[in-house]
Amino acid sequence: AITLPDGRMALVMADVSGKSVPGALLVSTLQASLRAYLESSFDLVSLV
């Protein structure tokens, strides 16, 4: 649940297929990319 600069909040719920280290690393990629994209203005469809 990420508070945005304009006071809105981004919510995310995700589940990677598979388990163990590869799955955790892929989730880490999602989290880092999402956080980076949220730093600038966006529309939701383009972000996804």
ModelCIF file with pLDDT and N, C-alpha, C, O atoms, coordinates in Angstrom:
data_MODEL
#
_entry.id   MODEL 
#
_entity.id                         1 
_entity.type                       polymer 
_entity.pdbx_number_of_molecules   1 
#
_entity_poly.entity_id                      1 
_entity_poly.type                           'polypeptide(L)' 
_entity_poly.nstd_linkage                   no 
_entity_poly.nstd_monomer                   no 
_entity_poly.pdbx_seq_one_letter_code       AITLPDGRMALVMADVSGKSVPGALLVSTLQASLRAYLESSFDLVSLV 
_entity_poly.pdbx_seq_one_letter_code_can   AITLPDGRMALVMADVSGKSVPGALLVSTLQASLRAYLESSFDLVSLV 
_entity_poly.pdbx_strand_id                 A 
#
loop_
_entity_poly_seq.entity_id 
_entity_poly_seq.num 
_entity_poly_seq.mon_id 
_entity_poly_seq.hetero 
1 1  ALA n 
1 2  ILE n 
1 3  THR n 
1 4  LEU n 
1 5  PRO n 
1 6  ASP n 
1 7  GLY n 
1 8  ARG n 
1 9  MET n 
1 10 ALA n 
1 11 LEU n 
1 12 VAL n 
1 13 MET n 
1 14 ALA n 
1 15 ASP n 
1 16 VAL n 
1 17 SER n 
1 18 GLY n 
1 19 LYS n 
1 20 SER n 
1 21 VAL n 
1 22 PRO n 
1 23 GLY n 
1 24 ALA n 
1 25 LEU n 
1 26 LEU n 
1 27 VAL n 
1 28 SER n 
1 29 THR n 
1 30 LEU n 
1 31 GLN n 
1 32 ALA n 
1 33 SER n 
1 34 LEU n 
1 35 ARG n 
1 36 ALA n 
1 37 TYR n 
1 38 LEU n 
1 39 GLU n 
1 40 SER n 
1 41 SER n 
1 42 PHE n 
1 43 ASP n 
1 44 LEU n 
1 45 VAL n 
1 46 SER n 
1 47 LEU n 
1 48 VAL n 
#
_struct_asym.id          A 
_struct_asym.entity_id   1 
#
loop_
_ma_qa_metric.id 
_ma_qa_metric.mode 
_ma_qa_metric.name 
_ma_qa_metric.software_group_id 
_ma_qa_metric.type 
1 global pLDDT . pLDDT 
2 local  pLDDT . pLDDT 
#
_ma_qa_metric_global.metric_id      1 
_ma_qa_metric_global.metric_value   89.56 
_ma_qa_metric_global.model_id       1 
_ma_qa_metric_global.ordinal_id     1 
#
loop_
_ma_qa_metric_local.label_asym_id 
_ma_qa_metric_local.label_comp_id 
_ma_qa_metric_local.label_seq_id 
_ma_qa_metric_local.metric_id 
_ma_qa_metric_local.metric_value 
_ma_qa_metric_local.model_id 
_ma_qa_metric_local.ordinal_id 
A ALA 1  2 96.00 1 1  
A ILE 2  2 96.00 1 2  
A THR 3  2 94.00 1 3  
A LEU 4  2 95.00 1 4  
A PRO 5  2 92.00 1 5  
A ASP 6  2 92.00 1 6  
A GLY 7  2 93.00 1 7  
A ARG 8  2 95.00 1 8  
A MET 9  2 96.00 1 9  
A ALA 10 2 97.00 1 10 
A LEU 11 2 97.00 1 11 
A VAL 12 2 97.00 1 12 
A MET 13 2 97.00 1 13 
A ALA 14 2 95.00 1 14 
A ASP 15 2 93.00 1 15 
A VAL 16 2 89.00 1 16 
A SER 17 2 84.00 1 17 
A GLY 18 2 71.00 1 18 
A LYS 19 2 65.00 1 19 
A SER 20 2 67.00 1 20 
A VAL 21 2 74.00 1 21 
A PRO 22 2 75.00 1 22 
A GLY 23 2 76.00 1 23 
A ALA 24 2 78.00 1 24 
A LEU 25 2 81.00 1 25 
A LEU 26 2 86.00 1 26 
A VAL 27 2 87.00 1 27 
A SER 28 2 88.00 1 28 
A THR 29 2 91.00 1 29 
A LEU 30 2 93.00 1 30 
A GLN 31 2 93.00 1 31 
A ALA 32 2 92.00 1 32 
A SER 33 2 94.00 1 33 
A LEU 34 2 95.00 1 34 
A ARG 35 2 93.00 1 35 
A ALA 36 2 92.00 1 36 
A TYR 37 2 93.00 1 37 
A LEU 38 2 93.00 1 38 
A GLU 39 2 88.00 1 39 
A SER 40 2 87.00 1 40 
A SER 41 2 87.00 1 41 
A PHE 42 2 90.00 1 42 
A ASP 43 2 92.00 1 43 
A LEU 44 2 96.00 1 44 
A VAL 45 2 96.00 1 45 
A SER 46 2 95.00 1 46 
A LEU 47 2 96.00 1 47 
A VAL 48 2 97.00 1 48 
#
loop_
_atom_site.group_PDB 
_atom_site.id 
_atom_site.type_symbol 
_atom_site.label_atom_id 
_atom_site.label_alt_id 
_atom_site.label_comp_id 
_atom_site.label_asym_id 
_atom_site.label_entity_id 
_atom_site.label_seq_id 
_atom_site.pdbx_PDB_ins_code 
_atom_site.Cartn_x 
_atom_site.Cartn_y 
_atom_site.Cartn_z 
_atom_site.occupancy 
_atom_site.B_iso_or_equiv 
_atom_site.pdbx_formal_charge 
_atom_site.auth_seq_id 
_atom_site.auth_comp_id 
_atom_site.auth_asym_id 
_atom_site.auth_atom_id 
_atom_site.pdbx_PDB_model_num 
ATOM 1   N N  . ALA A 1 1  ? 0.880  -1.168  0.000   1.00 96.00 ? 1  ALA A N  1 
ATOM 2   C CA . ALA A 1 1  ? 0.000  0.000   0.000   1.00 96.00 ? 1  ALA A CA 1 
ATOM 3   C C  . ALA A 1 1  ? 0.916  1.217   0.000   1.00 96.00 ? 1  ALA A C  1 
ATOM 4   O O  . ALA A 1 1  ? 1.547  1.526   1.011   1.00 96.00 ? 1  ALA A O  1 
ATOM 5   N N  . ILE A 1 2  ? 0.988  1.903   -1.130  1.00 96.00 ? 2  ILE A N  1 
ATOM 6   C CA . ILE A 1 2  ? 2.010  2.929   -1.357  1.00 96.00 ? 2  ILE A CA 1 
ATOM 7   C C  . ILE A 1 2  ? 1.342  4.292   -1.480  1.00 96.00 ? 2  ILE A C  1 
ATOM 8   O O  . ILE A 1 2  ? 0.532  4.520   -2.378  1.00 96.00 ? 2  ILE A O  1 
ATOM 9   N N  . THR A 1 3  ? 1.689  5.187   -0.572  1.00 94.00 ? 3  THR A N  1 
ATOM 10  C CA . THR A 1 3  ? 1.148  6.535   -0.626  1.00 94.00 ? 3  THR A CA 1 
ATOM 11  C C  . THR A 1 3  ? 1.842  7.326   -1.733  1.00 94.00 ? 3  THR A C  1 
ATOM 12  O O  . THR A 1 3  ? 3.071  7.381   -1.789  1.00 94.00 ? 3  THR A O  1 
ATOM 13  N N  . LEU A 1 4  ? 1.049  7.939   -2.614  1.00 95.00 ? 4  LEU A N  1 
ATOM 14  C CA . LEU A 1 4  ? 1.577  8.696   -3.747  1.00 95.00 ? 4  LEU A CA 1 
ATOM 15  C C  . LEU A 1 4  ? 1.738  10.169  -3.374  1.00 95.00 ? 4  LEU A C  1 
ATOM 16  O O  . LEU A 1 4  ? 1.101  10.644  -2.433  1.00 95.00 ? 4  LEU A O  1 
ATOM 17  N N  . PRO A 1 5  ? 2.584  10.891  -4.106  1.00 92.00 ? 5  PRO A N  1 
ATOM 18  C CA . PRO A 1 5  ? 2.831  12.303  -3.775  1.00 92.00 ? 5  PRO A CA 1 
ATOM 19  C C  . PRO A 1 5  ? 1.570  13.167  -3.748  1.00 92.00 ? 5  PRO A C  1 
ATOM 20  O O  . PRO A 1 5  ? 1.524  14.143  -2.999  1.00 92.00 ? 5  PRO A O  1 
ATOM 21  N N  . ASP A 1 6  ? 0.551  12.841  -4.539  1.00 92.00 ? 6  ASP A N  1 
ATOM 22  C CA . ASP A 1 6  ? -0.664 13.666  -4.601  1.00 92.00 ? 6  ASP A CA 1 
ATOM 23  C C  . ASP A 1 6  ? -1.709 13.258  -3.564  1.00 92.00 ? 6  ASP A C  1 
ATOM 24  O O  . ASP A 1 6  ? -2.834 13.755  -3.597  1.00 92.00 ? 6  ASP A O  1 
ATOM 25  N N  . GLY A 1 7  ? -1.350 12.352  -2.636  1.00 93.00 ? 7  GLY A N  1 
ATOM 26  C CA . GLY A 1 7  ? -2.265 11.949  -1.587  1.00 93.00 ? 7  GLY A CA 1 
ATOM 27  C C  . GLY A 1 7  ? -3.065 10.695  -1.889  1.00 93.00 ? 7  GLY A C  1 
ATOM 28  O O  . GLY A 1 7  ? -3.719 10.157  -0.995  1.00 93.00 ? 7  GLY A O  1 
ATOM 29  N N  . ARG A 1 8  ? -3.032 10.219  -3.119  1.00 95.00 ? 8  ARG A N  1 
ATOM 30  C CA . ARG A 1 8  ? -3.703 8.955   -3.434  1.00 95.00 ? 8  ARG A CA 1 
ATOM 31  C C  . ARG A 1 8  ? -2.866 7.786   -2.909  1.00 95.00 ? 8  ARG A C  1 
ATOM 32  O O  . ARG A 1 8  ? -1.734 7.965   -2.460  1.00 95.00 ? 8  ARG A O  1 
ATOM 33  N N  . MET A 1 9  ? -3.441 6.603   -2.974  1.00 96.00 ? 9  MET A N  1 
ATOM 34  C CA . MET A 1 9  ? -2.711 5.420   -2.532  1.00 96.00 ? 9  MET A CA 1 
ATOM 35  C C  . MET A 1 9  ? -2.821 4.314   -3.569  1.00 96.00 ? 9  MET A C  1 
ATOM 36  O O  . MET A 1 9  ? -3.911 4.011   -4.053  1.00 96.00 ? 9  MET A O  1 
ATOM 37  N N  . ALA A 1 10 ? -1.662 3.701   -3.914  1.00 97.00 ? 10 ALA A N  1 
ATOM 38  C CA . ALA A 1 10 ? -1.627 2.551   -4.804  1.00 97.00 ? 10 ALA A CA 1 
ATOM 39  C C  . ALA A 1 10 ? -1.666 1.272   -3.980  1.00 97.00 ? 10 ALA A C  1 
ATOM 40  O O  . ALA A 1 10 ? -0.928 1.126   -3.006  1.00 97.00 ? 10 ALA A O  1 
ATOM 41  N N  . LEU A 1 11 ? -2.523 0.361   -4.375  1.00 97.00 ? 11 LEU A N  1 
ATOM 42  C CA . LEU A 1 11 ? -2.666 -0.930  -3.703  1.00 97.00 ? 11 LEU A CA 1 
ATOM 43  C C  . LEU A 1 11 ? -2.248 -2.033  -4.667  1.00 97.00 ? 11 LEU A C  1 
ATOM 44  O O  . LEU A 1 11 ? -2.584 -1.991  -5.850  1.00 97.00 ? 11 LEU A O  1 
ATOM 45  N N  . VAL A 1 12 ? -1.525 -3.003  -4.166  1.00 97.00 ? 12 VAL A N  1 
ATOM 46  C CA . VAL A 1 12 ? -1.118 -4.109  -5.024  1.00 97.00 ? 12 VAL A CA 1 
ATOM 47  C C  . VAL A 1 12 ? -1.215 -5.423  -4.260  1.00 97.00 ? 12 VAL A C  1 
ATOM 48  O O  . VAL A 1 12 ? -0.850 -5.506  -3.088  1.00 97.00 ? 12 VAL A O  1 
ATOM 49  N N  . MET A 1 13 ? -1.709 -6.438  -4.944  1.00 97.00 ? 13 MET A N  1 
ATOM 50  C CA . MET A 1 13 ? -1.762 -7.804  -4.419  1.00 97.00 ? 13 MET A CA 1 
ATOM 51  C C  . MET A 1 13 ? -1.321 -8.715  -5.557  1.00 97.00 ? 13 MET A C  1 
ATOM 52  O O  . MET A 1 13 ? -1.929 -8.703  -6.627  1.00 97.00 ? 13 MET A O  1 
ATOM 53  N N  . ALA A 1 14 ? -0.273 -9.504  -5.341  1.00 95.00 ? 14 ALA A N  1 
ATOM 54  C CA . ALA A 1 14 ? 0.294  -10.287 -6.437  1.00 95.00 ? 14 ALA A CA 1 
ATOM 55  C C  . ALA A 1 14 ? 0.768  -11.650 -5.939  1.00 95.00 ? 14 ALA A C  1 
ATOM 56  O O  . ALA A 1 14 ? 1.049  -11.836 -4.755  1.00 95.00 ? 14 ALA A O  1 
ATOM 57  N N  . ASP A 1 15 ? 0.848  -12.593 -6.870  1.00 93.00 ? 15 ASP A N  1 
ATOM 58  C CA . ASP A 1 15 ? 1.291  -13.957 -6.559  1.00 93.00 ? 15 ASP A CA 1 
ATOM 59  C C  . ASP A 1 15 ? 2.019  -14.508 -7.775  1.00 93.00 ? 15 ASP A C  1 
ATOM 60  O O  . ASP A 1 15 ? 1.445  -14.595 -8.861  1.00 93.00 ? 15 ASP A O  1 
ATOM 61  N N  . VAL A 1 16 ? 3.280  -14.879 -7.597  1.00 89.00 ? 16 VAL A N  1 
ATOM 62  C CA . VAL A 1 16 ? 4.070  -15.414 -8.700  1.00 89.00 ? 16 VAL A CA 1 
ATOM 63  C C  . VAL A 1 16 ? 3.864  -16.921 -8.795  1.00 89.00 ? 16 VAL A C  1 
ATOM 64  O O  . VAL A 1 16 ? 3.765  -17.604 -7.776  1.00 89.00 ? 16 VAL A O  1 
ATOM 65  N N  . SER A 1 17 ? 3.799  -17.436 -10.021 1.00 84.00 ? 17 SER A N  1 
ATOM 66  C CA . SER A 1 17 ? 3.696  -18.885 -10.202 1.00 84.00 ? 17 SER A CA 1 
ATOM 67  C C  . SER A 1 17 ? 5.008  -19.533 -9.781  1.00 84.00 ? 17 SER A C  1 
ATOM 68  O O  . SER A 1 17 ? 6.086  -18.983 -10.007 1.00 84.00 ? 17 SER A O  1 
ATOM 69  N N  . GLY A 1 18 ? 4.904  -20.702 -9.169  1.00 71.00 ? 18 GLY A N  1 
ATOM 70  C CA . GLY A 1 18 ? 6.113  -21.383 -8.727  1.00 71.00 ? 18 GLY A CA 1 
ATOM 71  C C  . GLY A 1 18 ? 6.586  -20.872 -7.378  1.00 71.00 ? 18 GLY A C  1 
ATOM 72  O O  . GLY A 1 18 ? 6.035  -19.916 -6.832  1.00 71.00 ? 18 GLY A O  1 
ATOM 73  N N  . LYS A 1 19 ? 7.608  -21.517 -6.851  1.00 65.00 ? 19 LYS A N  1 
ATOM 74  C CA . LYS A 1 19 ? 8.076  -21.205 -5.507  1.00 65.00 ? 19 LYS A CA 1 
ATOM 75  C C  . LYS A 1 19 ? 9.580  -21.005 -5.502  1.00 65.00 ? 19 LYS A C  1 
ATOM 76  O O  . LYS A 1 19 ? 10.219 -20.960 -6.553  1.00 65.00 ? 19 LYS A O  1 
ATOM 77  N N  . SER A 1 20 ? 10.136 -20.885 -4.302  1.00 67.00 ? 20 SER A N  1 
ATOM 78  C CA . SER A 1 20 ? 11.557 -20.812 -4.046  1.00 67.00 ? 20 SER A CA 1 
ATOM 79  C C  . SER A 1 20 ? 12.179 -19.525 -4.569  1.00 67.00 ? 20 SER A C  1 
ATOM 80  O O  . SER A 1 20 ? 11.481 -18.544 -4.826  1.00 67.00 ? 20 SER A O  1 
ATOM 81  N N  . VAL A 1 21 ? 13.505 -19.540 -4.724  1.00 74.00 ? 21 VAL A N  1 
ATOM 82  C CA . VAL A 1 21 ? 14.255 -18.327 -5.032  1.00 74.00 ? 21 VAL A CA 1 
ATOM 83  C C  . VAL A 1 21 ? 13.818 -17.668 -6.333  1.00 74.00 ? 21 VAL A C  1 
ATOM 84  O O  . VAL A 1 21 ? 13.643 -16.450 -6.343  1.00 74.00 ? 21 VAL A O  1 
ATOM 85  N N  . PRO A 1 22 ? 13.629 -18.403 -7.444  1.00 75.00 ? 22 PRO A N  1 
ATOM 86  C CA . PRO A 1 22 ? 13.215 -17.725 -8.678  1.00 75.00 ? 22 PRO A CA 1 
ATOM 87  C C  . PRO A 1 22 ? 11.918 -16.925 -8.513  1.00 75.00 ? 22 PRO A C  1 
ATOM 88  O O  . PRO A 1 22 ? 11.798 -15.819 -9.041  1.00 75.00 ? 22 PRO A O  1 
ATOM 89  N N  . GLY A 1 23 ? 10.953 -17.486 -7.782  1.00 76.00 ? 23 GLY A N  1 
ATOM 90  C CA . GLY A 1 23 ? 9.704  -16.765 -7.561  1.00 76.00 ? 23 GLY A CA 1 
ATOM 91  C C  . GLY A 1 23 ? 9.906  -15.515 -6.742  1.00 76.00 ? 23 GLY A C  1 
ATOM 92  O O  . GLY A 1 23 ? 9.355  -14.463 -7.065  1.00 76.00 ? 23 GLY A O  1 
ATOM 93  N N  . ALA A 1 24 ? 10.698 -15.616 -5.672  1.00 78.00 ? 24 ALA A N  1 
ATOM 94  C CA . ALA A 1 24 ? 10.961 -14.455 -4.824  1.00 78.00 ? 24 ALA A CA 1 
ATOM 95  C C  . ALA A 1 24 ? 11.694 -13.368 -5.588  1.00 78.00 ? 24 ALA A C  1 
ATOM 96  O O  . ALA A 1 24 ? 11.419 -12.182 -5.403  1.00 78.00 ? 24 ALA A O  1 
ATOM 97  N N  . LEU A 1 25 ? 12.626 -13.763 -6.447  1.00 81.00 ? 25 LEU A N  1 
ATOM 98  C CA . LEU A 1 25 ? 13.356 -12.777 -7.238  1.00 81.00 ? 25 LEU A CA 1 
ATOM 99  C C  . LEU A 1 25 ? 12.444 -12.069 -8.234  1.00 81.00 ? 25 LEU A C  1 
ATOM 100 O O  . LEU A 1 25 ? 12.597 -10.873 -8.480  1.00 81.00 ? 25 LEU A O  1 
ATOM 101 N N  . LEU A 1 26 ? 11.496 -12.807 -8.805  1.00 86.00 ? 26 LEU A N  1 
ATOM 102 C CA . LEU A 1 26 ? 10.582 -12.197 -9.765  1.00 86.00 ? 26 LEU A CA 1 
ATOM 103 C C  . LEU A 1 26 ? 9.650  -11.209 -9.070  1.00 86.00 ? 26 LEU A C  1 
ATOM 104 O O  . LEU A 1 26 ? 9.342  -10.149 -9.614  1.00 86.00 ? 26 LEU A O  1 
ATOM 105 N N  . VAL A 1 27 ? 9.203  -11.562 -7.868  1.00 87.00 ? 27 VAL A N  1 
ATOM 106 C CA . VAL A 1 27 ? 8.388  -10.622 -7.088  1.00 87.00 ? 27 VAL A CA 1 
ATOM 107 C C  . VAL A 1 27 ? 9.196  -9.374  -6.750  1.00 87.00 ? 27 VAL A C  1 
ATOM 108 O O  . VAL A 1 27 ? 8.669  -8.261  -6.753  1.00 87.00 ? 27 VAL A O  1 
ATOM 109 N N  . SER A 1 28 ? 10.480 -9.570  -6.457  1.00 88.00 ? 28 SER A N  1 
ATOM 110 C CA . SER A 1 28 ? 11.349 -8.431  -6.176  1.00 88.00 ? 28 SER A CA 1 
ATOM 111 C C  . SER A 1 28 ? 11.466 -7.521  -7.395  1.00 88.00 ? 28 SER A C  1 
ATOM 112 O O  . SER A 1 28 ? 11.515 -6.298  -7.263  1.00 88.00 ? 28 SER A O  1 
ATOM 113 N N  . THR A 1 29 ? 11.511 -8.123  -8.577  1.00 91.00 ? 29 THR A N  1 
ATOM 114 C CA . THR A 1 29 ? 11.545 -7.331  -9.811  1.00 91.00 ? 29 THR A CA 1 
ATOM 115 C C  . THR A 1 29 ? 10.265 -6.522  -9.970  1.00 91.00 ? 29 THR A C  1 
ATOM 116 O O  . THR A 1 29 ? 10.305 -5.350  -10.345 1.00 91.00 ? 29 THR A O  1 
ATOM 117 N N  . LEU A 1 30 ? 9.123  -7.157  -9.680  1.00 93.00 ? 30 LEU A N  1 
ATOM 118 C CA . LEU A 1 30 ? 7.845  -6.451  -9.755  1.00 93.00 ? 30 LEU A CA 1 
ATOM 119 C C  . LEU A 1 30 ? 7.814  -5.282  -8.780  1.00 93.00 ? 30 LEU A C  1 
ATOM 120 O O  . LEU A 1 30 ? 7.415  -4.177  -9.148  1.00 93.00 ? 30 LEU A O  1 
ATOM 121 N N  . GLN A 1 31 ? 8.227  -5.517  -7.552  1.00 93.00 ? 31 GLN A N  1 
ATOM 122 C CA . GLN A 1 31 ? 8.179  -4.471  -6.537  1.00 93.00 ? 31 GLN A CA 1 
ATOM 123 C C  . GLN A 1 31 ? 9.069  -3.285  -6.903  1.00 93.00 ? 31 GLN A C  1 
ATOM 124 O O  . GLN A 1 31 ? 8.658  -2.131  -6.781  1.00 93.00 ? 31 GLN A O  1 
ATOM 125 N N  . ALA A 1 32 ? 10.292 -3.576  -7.352  1.00 92.00 ? 32 ALA A N  1 
ATOM 126 C CA . ALA A 1 32 ? 11.214 -2.499  -7.705  1.00 92.00 ? 32 ALA A CA 1 
ATOM 127 C C  . ALA A 1 32 ? 10.708 -1.707  -8.912  1.00 92.00 ? 32 ALA A C  1 
ATOM 128 O O  . ALA A 1 32 ? 10.782 -0.478  -8.928  1.00 92.00 ? 32 ALA A O  1 
ATOM 129 N N  . SER A 1 33 ? 10.193 -2.415  -9.924  1.00 94.00 ? 33 SER A N  1 
ATOM 130 C CA . SER A 1 33 ? 9.686  -1.741  -11.123 1.00 94.00 ? 33 SER A CA 1 
ATOM 131 C C  . SER A 1 33 ? 8.472  -0.888  -10.784 1.00 94.00 ? 33 SER A C  1 
ATOM 132 O O  . SER A 1 33 ? 8.364  0.254   -11.232 1.00 94.00 ? 33 SER A O  1 
ATOM 133 N N  . LEU A 1 34 ? 7.552  -1.447  -9.987  1.00 95.00 ? 34 LEU A N  1 
ATOM 134 C CA . LEU A 1 34 ? 6.346  -0.713  -9.618  1.00 95.00 ? 34 LEU A CA 1 
ATOM 135 C C  . LEU A 1 34 ? 6.696  0.557   -8.857  1.00 95.00 ? 34 LEU A C  1 
ATOM 136 O O  . LEU A 1 34 ? 6.166  1.627   -9.156  1.00 95.00 ? 34 LEU A O  1 
ATOM 137 N N  . ARG A 1 35 ? 7.575  0.445   -7.888  1.00 93.00 ? 35 ARG A N  1 
ATOM 138 C CA . ARG A 1 35 ? 7.979  1.612   -7.104  1.00 93.00 ? 35 ARG A CA 1 
ATOM 139 C C  . ARG A 1 35 ? 8.603  2.687   -8.002  1.00 93.00 ? 35 ARG A C  1 
ATOM 140 O O  . ARG A 1 35 ? 8.355  3.880   -7.828  1.00 93.00 ? 35 ARG A O  1 
ATOM 141 N N  . ALA A 1 36 ? 9.408  2.247   -8.953  1.00 92.00 ? 36 ALA A N  1 
ATOM 142 C CA . ALA A 1 36 ? 10.052 3.210   -9.852  1.00 92.00 ? 36 ALA A CA 1 
ATOM 143 C C  . ALA A 1 36 ? 9.028  3.913   -10.741 1.00 92.00 ? 36 ALA A C  1 
ATOM 144 O O  . ALA A 1 36 ? 9.089  5.129   -10.923 1.00 92.00 ? 36 ALA A O  1 
ATOM 145 N N  . TYR A 1 37 ? 8.086  3.146   -11.295 1.00 93.00 ? 37 TYR A N  1 
ATOM 146 C CA . TYR A 1 37 ? 7.078  3.739   -12.178 1.00 93.00 ? 37 TYR A CA 1 
ATOM 147 C C  . TYR A 1 37 ? 6.148  4.688   -11.423 1.00 93.00 ? 37 TYR A C  1 
ATOM 148 O O  . TYR A 1 37 ? 5.642  5.648   -12.004 1.00 93.00 ? 37 TYR A O  1 
ATOM 149 N N  . LEU A 1 38 ? 5.920  4.431   -10.146 1.00 93.00 ? 38 LEU A N  1 
ATOM 150 C CA . LEU A 1 38 ? 5.025  5.275   -9.364  1.00 93.00 ? 38 LEU A CA 1 
ATOM 151 C C  . LEU A 1 38 ? 5.646  6.623   -9.000  1.00 93.00 ? 38 LEU A C  1 
ATOM 152 O O  . LEU A 1 38 ? 4.950  7.521   -8.528  1.00 93.00 ? 38 LEU A O  1 
ATOM 153 N N  . GLU A 1 39 ? 6.951  6.762   -9.219  1.00 88.00 ? 39 GLU A N  1 
ATOM 154 C CA . GLU A 1 39 ? 7.620  8.018   -8.901  1.00 88.00 ? 39 GLU A CA 1 
ATOM 155 C C  . GLU A 1 39 ? 7.184  9.156   -9.826  1.00 88.00 ? 39 GLU A C  1 
ATOM 156 O O  . GLU A 1 39 ? 7.251  10.325  -9.446  1.00 88.00 ? 39 GLU A O  1 
ATOM 157 N N  . SER A 1 40 ? 6.740  8.817   -11.034 1.00 87.00 ? 40 SER A N  1 
ATOM 158 C CA . SER A 1 40 ? 6.307  9.833   -11.993 1.00 87.00 ? 40 SER A CA 1 
ATOM 159 C C  . SER A 1 40 ? 4.806  9.685   -12.241 1.00 87.00 ? 40 SER A C  1 
ATOM 160 O O  . SER A 1 40 ? 4.188  8.716   -11.799 1.00 87.00 ? 40 SER A O  1 
ATOM 161 N N  . SER A 1 41 ? 4.232  10.649  -12.949 1.00 87.00 ? 41 SER A N  1 
ATOM 162 C CA . SER A 1 41 ? 2.798  10.585  -13.242 1.00 87.00 ? 41 SER A CA 1 
ATOM 163 C C  . SER A 1 41 ? 2.508  9.375   -14.128 1.00 87.00 ? 41 SER A C  1 
ATOM 164 O O  . SER A 1 41 ? 3.356  8.967   -14.921 1.00 87.00 ? 41 SER A O  1 
ATOM 165 N N  . PHE A 1 42 ? 1.314  8.803   -13.994 1.00 90.00 ? 42 PHE A N  1 
ATOM 166 C CA . PHE A 1 42 ? 0.979  7.587   -14.730 1.00 90.00 ? 42 PHE A CA 1 
ATOM 167 C C  . PHE A 1 42 ? -0.527 7.450   -14.845 1.00 90.00 ? 42 PHE A C  1 
ATOM 168 O O  . PHE A 1 42 ? -1.280 8.029   -14.061 1.00 90.00 ? 42 PHE A O  1 
ATOM 169 N N  . ASP A 1 43 ? -0.954 6.680   -15.827 1.00 92.00 ? 43 ASP A N  1 
ATOM 170 C CA . ASP A 1 43 ? -2.319 6.171   -15.818 1.00 92.00 ? 43 ASP A CA 1 
ATOM 171 C C  . ASP A 1 43 ? -2.219 4.671   -15.637 1.00 92.00 ? 43 ASP A C  1 
ATOM 172 O O  . ASP A 1 43 ? -1.240 4.053   -16.055 1.00 92.00 ? 43 ASP A O  1 
ATOM 173 N N  . LEU A 1 44 ? -3.220 4.089   -15.021 1.00 96.00 ? 44 LEU A N  1 
ATOM 174 C CA . LEU A 1 44 ? -3.127 2.725   -14.531 1.00 96.00 ? 44 LEU A CA 1 
ATOM 175 C C  . LEU A 1 44 ? -2.904 1.704   -15.647 1.00 96.00 ? 44 LEU A C  1 
ATOM 176 O O  . LEU A 1 44 ? -2.084 0.799   -15.493 1.00 96.00 ? 44 LEU A O  1 
ATOM 177 N N  . VAL A 1 45 ? -3.611 1.831   -16.753 1.00 96.00 ? 45 VAL A N  1 
ATOM 178 C CA . VAL A 1 45 ? -3.479 0.868   -17.841 1.00 96.00 ? 45 VAL A CA 1 
ATOM 179 C C  . VAL A 1 45 ? -2.060 0.892   -18.410 1.00 96.00 ? 45 VAL A C  1 
ATOM 180 O O  . VAL A 1 45 ? -1.463 -0.161  -18.631 1.00 96.00 ? 45 VAL A O  1 
ATOM 181 N N  . SER A 1 46 ? -1.520 2.086   -18.647 1.00 95.00 ? 46 SER A N  1 
ATOM 182 C CA . SER A 1 46 ? -0.150 2.184   -19.168 1.00 95.00 ? 46 SER A CA 1 
ATOM 183 C C  . SER A 1 46 ? 0.848  1.588   -18.190 1.00 95.00 ? 46 SER A C  1 
ATOM 184 O O  . SER A 1 46 ? 1.815  0.943   -18.595 1.00 95.00 ? 46 SER A O  1 
ATOM 185 N N  . LEU A 1 47 ? 0.612  1.806   -16.896 1.00 96.00 ? 47 LEU A N  1 
ATOM 186 C CA . LEU A 1 47 ? 1.501  1.256   -15.876 1.00 96.00 ? 47 LEU A CA 1 
ATOM 187 C C  . LEU A 1 47 ? 1.500  -0.268  -15.923 1.00 96.00 ? 47 LEU A C  1 
ATOM 188 O O  . LEU A 1 47 ? 2.562  -0.887  -15.866 1.00 96.00 ? 47 LEU A O  1 
ATOM 189 N N  . VAL A 1 48 ? 0.327  -0.875  -16.027 1.00 97.00 ? 48 VAL A N  1 
ATOM 190 C CA . VAL A 1 48 ? 0.247  -2.339  -16.065 1.00 97.00 ? 48 VAL A CA 1 
ATOM 191 C C  . VAL A 1 48 ? 0.901  -2.879  -17.335 1.00 97.00 ? 48 VAL A C  1 
ATOM 192 O O  . VAL A 1 48 ? 0.932  -4.091  -17.546 1.00 97.00 ? 48 VAL A O  1 
#
